[in-house]
Amino acid sequence: MDQEVRITLRLPADLHEWLASQAKSARRSLNSEILHRLEVGRGNHSADDQSPWRRLLFPCPAPQVSDSSPA
């Protein structure tokens, strides 16, 4: 896994409140929400699937479900 860097970030209170609300809606931590938005913002549109955190937590790909019904 890549190394982590810890930073201190100052946000306007309204932006923090909005991000916290978005994180709660997406069932993510505030940190994960910020990382997700940064990944998407840099052009990684499949950030949920490509995130190193997601690969760590869910190392196996989701099983494929067939759309066809048994005949």
Protein backbone atom coordinates (compact mmCIF):
# COMPACT_ATOMS: atom_id res chain seq x y z
CA MET A 1 0.00 0.00 0.00
CA ASP A 2 1.13 3.54 -0.63
CA GLN A 3 2.50 5.59 2.19
CA GLU A 4 0.13 7.92 3.94
CA VAL A 5 0.73 11.58 4.67
CA ARG A 6 -1.11 13.32 7.47
CA ILE A 7 -2.09 16.96 6.94
CA THR A 8 -4.02 19.60 8.82
CA LEU A 9 -6.72 21.16 6.67
CA ARG A 10 -8.66 24.32 7.45
CA LEU A 11 -12.14 24.47 5.96
CA PRO A 12 -14.91 27.03 6.18
CA ALA A 13 -17.55 25.75 8.59
CA ASP A 14 -20.23 25.55 5.89
CA LEU A 15 -18.00 23.45 3.62
CA HIS A 16 -17.16 21.13 6.52
CA GLU A 17 -20.85 20.75 7.32
CA TRP A 18 -21.68 20.00 3.69
CA LEU A 19 -18.86 17.45 3.34
CA ALA A 20 -19.90 15.76 6.59
CA SER A 21 -23.47 15.55 5.32
CA GLN A 22 -22.33 14.08 1.99
CA ALA A 23 -20.13 11.56 3.82
CA LYS A 24 -23.02 10.47 6.01
CA SER A 25 -25.29 10.05 2.97
CA ALA A 26 -22.64 7.91 1.26
CA ARG A 27 -21.97 5.99 4.48
CA ARG A 28 -18.32 7.06 4.48
CA SER A 29 -16.11 8.75 7.03
CA LEU A 30 -15.34 12.40 6.42
CA ASN A 31 -11.77 11.44 5.54
CA SER A 32 -12.96 8.84 3.02
CA GLU A 33 -15.39 11.34 1.49
CA ILE A 34 -12.62 13.89 0.98
CA LEU A 35 -10.33 11.22 -0.53
CA HIS A 36 -13.14 10.03 -2.80
CA ARG A 37 -13.82 13.54 -4.06
CA LEU A 38 -10.12 14.21 -4.65
CA GLU A 39 -9.76 10.96 -6.61
CA VAL A 40 -12.82 11.73 -8.72
CA GLY A 41 -11.63 15.31 -9.20
CA ARG A 42 -8.33 14.17 -10.63
CA GLY A 43 -10.16 12.15 -13.24
CA ASN A 44 -10.42 8.78 -11.52
CA HIS A 45 -14.14 8.36 -12.19
CA SER A 46 -14.17 4.83 -10.81
CA ALA A 47 -12.70 6.04 -7.51
CA ASP A 48 -14.86 3.70 -5.45
CA ASP A 49 -13.51 0.65 -7.28
CA GLN A 50 -9.93 1.85 -7.66
CA SER A 51 -9.31 3.27 -4.21
CA PRO A 52 -6.42 1.54 -2.43
CA TRP A 53 -8.63 1.54 0.67
CA ARG A 54 -11.37 -0.32 -1.18
CA ARG A 55 -8.86 -2.86 -2.50
CA LEU A 56 -7.60 -3.37 1.05
CA LEU A 57 -11.06 -3.80 2.55
CA PHE A 58 -12.54 -5.78 -0.36
CA PRO A 59 -9.63 -7.61 -2.05
CA CYS A 60 -11.83 -9.99 -4.07
CA PRO A 61 -13.89 -8.69 -6.97
CA ALA A 62 -17.64 -8.81 -6.56
CA PRO A 63 -19.17 -11.99 -8.00
CA GLN A 64 -20.78 -11.59 -11.40
CA VAL A 65 -24.53 -12.19 -11.47
CA SER A 66 -26.02 -13.65 -14.60
CA ASP A 67 -29.06 -11.87 -16.06
CA SER A 68 -30.34 -14.99 -17.76
CA SER A 69 -32.89 -17.16 -16.04
CA PRO A 70 -32.73 -20.96 -16.16
CA ALA A 71 -34.95 -22.26 -18.94
